[in-house]
Amino acid sequence: MSAREQGAGDDELCGNIVEGFKDIYFQDGGVRVPGLGDVEINDINHLDADL
């Protein structure tokens, strides 16, 4: 069951996306920038991803 199906709102869903980008893109699963704190992404109107 997806987060949306479990009742997650837009703010929670966006937070999940940001955490995913932080881990996968910026930190490469912990290999790069291990001490990276918060990541903030602003002004996204549309996101299309193949998962």
N, C-alpha and C. Protein backbone atom coordinates (compact mmCIF):
# COMPACT_ATOMS: atom_id res chain seq x y z
N MET A 1 0.85 -1.17 0.00
CA MET A 1 0.00 0.00 0.00
C MET A 1 0.90 1.24 0.00
N SER A 2 0.57 2.20 -0.85
CA SER A 2 1.38 3.41 -0.96
C SER A 2 1.10 4.37 0.19
N ALA A 3 2.02 5.30 0.35
CA ALA A 3 1.85 6.32 1.39
C ALA A 3 0.57 7.12 1.15
N ARG A 4 0.28 7.43 -0.10
CA ARG A 4 -0.94 8.17 -0.44
C ARG A 4 -2.17 7.37 -0.03
N GLU A 5 -2.15 6.07 -0.31
CA GLU A 5 -3.28 5.20 0.06
C GLU A 5 -3.43 5.07 1.57
N GLN A 6 -2.34 5.28 2.30
CA GLN A 6 -2.37 5.22 3.76
C GLN A 6 -2.76 6.54 4.38
N GLY A 7 -3.05 7.54 3.54
CA GLY A 7 -3.54 8.81 4.05
C GLY A 7 -2.50 9.91 4.18
N ALA A 8 -1.30 9.70 3.64
CA ALA A 8 -0.26 10.73 3.73
C ALA A 8 -0.68 11.94 2.91
N GLY A 9 -0.44 13.12 3.46
CA GLY A 9 -0.73 14.37 2.76
C GLY A 9 0.44 14.79 1.89
N ASP A 10 0.24 15.88 1.17
CA ASP A 10 1.27 16.37 0.25
C ASP A 10 2.57 16.70 0.98
N ASP A 11 2.50 17.31 2.16
CA ASP A 11 3.72 17.68 2.89
C ASP A 11 4.53 16.43 3.26
N GLU A 12 3.85 15.39 3.71
CA GLU A 12 4.55 14.15 4.08
C GLU A 12 5.14 13.48 2.84
N LEU A 13 4.39 13.46 1.75
CA LEU A 13 4.89 12.86 0.52
C LEU A 13 6.12 13.61 0.00
N CYS A 14 6.08 14.93 0.04
CA CYS A 14 7.24 15.73 -0.40
C CYS A 14 8.44 15.47 0.49
N GLY A 15 8.21 15.34 1.79
CA GLY A 15 9.30 15.01 2.71
C GLY A 15 9.93 13.68 2.38
N ASN A 16 9.12 12.70 2.00
CA ASN A 16 9.65 11.39 1.61
C ASN A 16 10.51 11.50 0.37
N ILE A 17 10.07 12.29 -0.59
CA ILE A 17 10.84 12.48 -1.83
C ILE A 17 12.18 13.14 -1.53
N VAL A 18 12.16 14.17 -0.71
CA VAL A 18 13.39 14.89 -0.36
C VAL A 18 14.37 13.95 0.35
N GLU A 19 13.89 13.15 1.28
CA GLU A 19 14.77 12.20 1.98
C GLU A 19 15.36 11.19 1.00
N GLY A 20 14.57 10.76 0.04
CA GLY A 20 15.07 9.84 -0.98
C GLY A 20 16.16 10.47 -1.83
N PHE A 21 15.93 11.71 -2.28
CA PHE A 21 16.96 12.42 -3.05
C PHE A 21 18.23 12.59 -2.22
N LYS A 22 18.07 12.93 -0.96
CA LYS A 22 19.22 13.12 -0.08
C LYS A 22 20.05 11.85 -0.01
N ASP A 23 19.40 10.73 0.22
CA ASP A 23 20.12 9.47 0.37
C ASP A 23 20.70 8.97 -0.94
N ILE A 24 19.91 9.00 -2.00
CA ILE A 24 20.34 8.39 -3.26
C ILE A 24 21.24 9.33 -4.07
N TYR A 25 20.82 10.58 -4.26
CA TYR A 25 21.55 11.49 -5.14
C TYR A 25 22.72 12.18 -4.45
N PHE A 26 22.47 12.80 -3.31
CA PHE A 26 23.52 13.58 -2.66
C PHE A 26 24.50 12.71 -1.87
N GLN A 27 24.01 11.69 -1.18
CA GLN A 27 24.87 10.89 -0.32
C GLN A 27 25.26 9.56 -0.94
N ASP A 28 24.66 9.18 -2.04
CA ASP A 28 24.97 7.92 -2.72
C ASP A 28 24.96 6.75 -1.75
N GLY A 29 23.88 6.66 -0.97
CA GLY A 29 23.73 5.56 -0.02
C GLY A 29 24.72 5.61 1.13
N GLY A 30 25.27 6.77 1.44
CA GLY A 30 26.20 6.92 2.55
C GLY A 30 27.67 7.02 2.15
N VAL A 31 27.95 6.87 0.84
CA VAL A 31 29.33 6.92 0.35
C VAL A 31 29.85 8.35 0.27
N ARG A 32 29.00 9.28 -0.16
CA ARG A 32 29.40 10.69 -0.30
C ARG A 32 28.73 11.52 0.78
N VAL A 33 29.36 12.57 1.18
CA VAL A 33 28.83 13.58 2.10
C VAL A 33 28.12 12.93 3.30
N PRO A 34 28.83 12.12 4.07
CA PRO A 34 28.17 11.40 5.17
C PRO A 34 27.59 12.30 6.25
N GLY A 35 28.09 13.51 6.42
CA GLY A 35 27.59 14.39 7.46
C GLY A 35 26.53 15.37 6.99
N LEU A 36 25.99 15.16 5.79
CA LEU A 36 25.01 16.08 5.24
C LEU A 36 23.79 16.16 6.14
N GLY A 37 23.39 17.38 6.45
CA GLY A 37 22.21 17.60 7.28
C GLY A 37 20.95 17.62 6.45
N ASP A 38 20.14 18.63 6.65
CA ASP A 38 18.87 18.74 5.95
C ASP A 38 19.07 19.12 4.49
N VAL A 39 18.21 18.60 3.65
CA VAL A 39 18.15 18.96 2.24
C VAL A 39 16.80 19.60 2.01
N GLU A 40 16.78 20.69 1.26
CA GLU A 40 15.53 21.39 0.99
C GLU A 40 15.38 21.55 -0.52
N ILE A 41 14.23 21.18 -1.01
CA ILE A 41 13.90 21.35 -2.43
C ILE A 41 12.69 22.25 -2.49
N ASN A 42 12.77 23.30 -3.31
CA ASN A 42 11.70 24.30 -3.39
C ASN A 42 11.12 24.39 -4.79
N ASP A 43 9.90 24.83 -4.85
CA ASP A 43 9.23 25.21 -6.09
C ASP A 43 9.15 24.11 -7.14
N ILE A 44 8.75 22.92 -6.73
CA ILE A 44 8.52 21.83 -7.68
C ILE A 44 7.04 21.86 -8.05
N ASN A 45 6.78 22.01 -9.34
CA ASN A 45 5.40 22.00 -9.82
C ASN A 45 4.99 20.64 -10.35
N HIS A 46 5.97 19.87 -10.83
CA HIS A 46 5.66 18.57 -11.41
C HIS A 46 6.90 17.68 -11.28
N LEU A 47 6.68 16.43 -10.95
CA LEU A 47 7.77 15.47 -10.87
C LEU A 47 7.28 14.18 -11.50
N ASP A 48 7.99 13.70 -12.49
CA ASP A 48 7.65 12.46 -13.16
C ASP A 48 8.82 11.51 -13.00
N ALA A 49 8.58 10.37 -12.39
CA ALA A 49 9.67 9.44 -12.12
C ALA A 49 9.23 8.01 -12.42
N ASP A 50 10.15 7.23 -12.94
CA ASP A 50 9.93 5.79 -13.10
C ASP A 50 10.53 5.10 -11.91
N LEU A 51 9.73 4.39 -11.17
CA LEU A 51 10.21 3.71 -9.97
C LEU A 51 10.14 2.22 -10.14
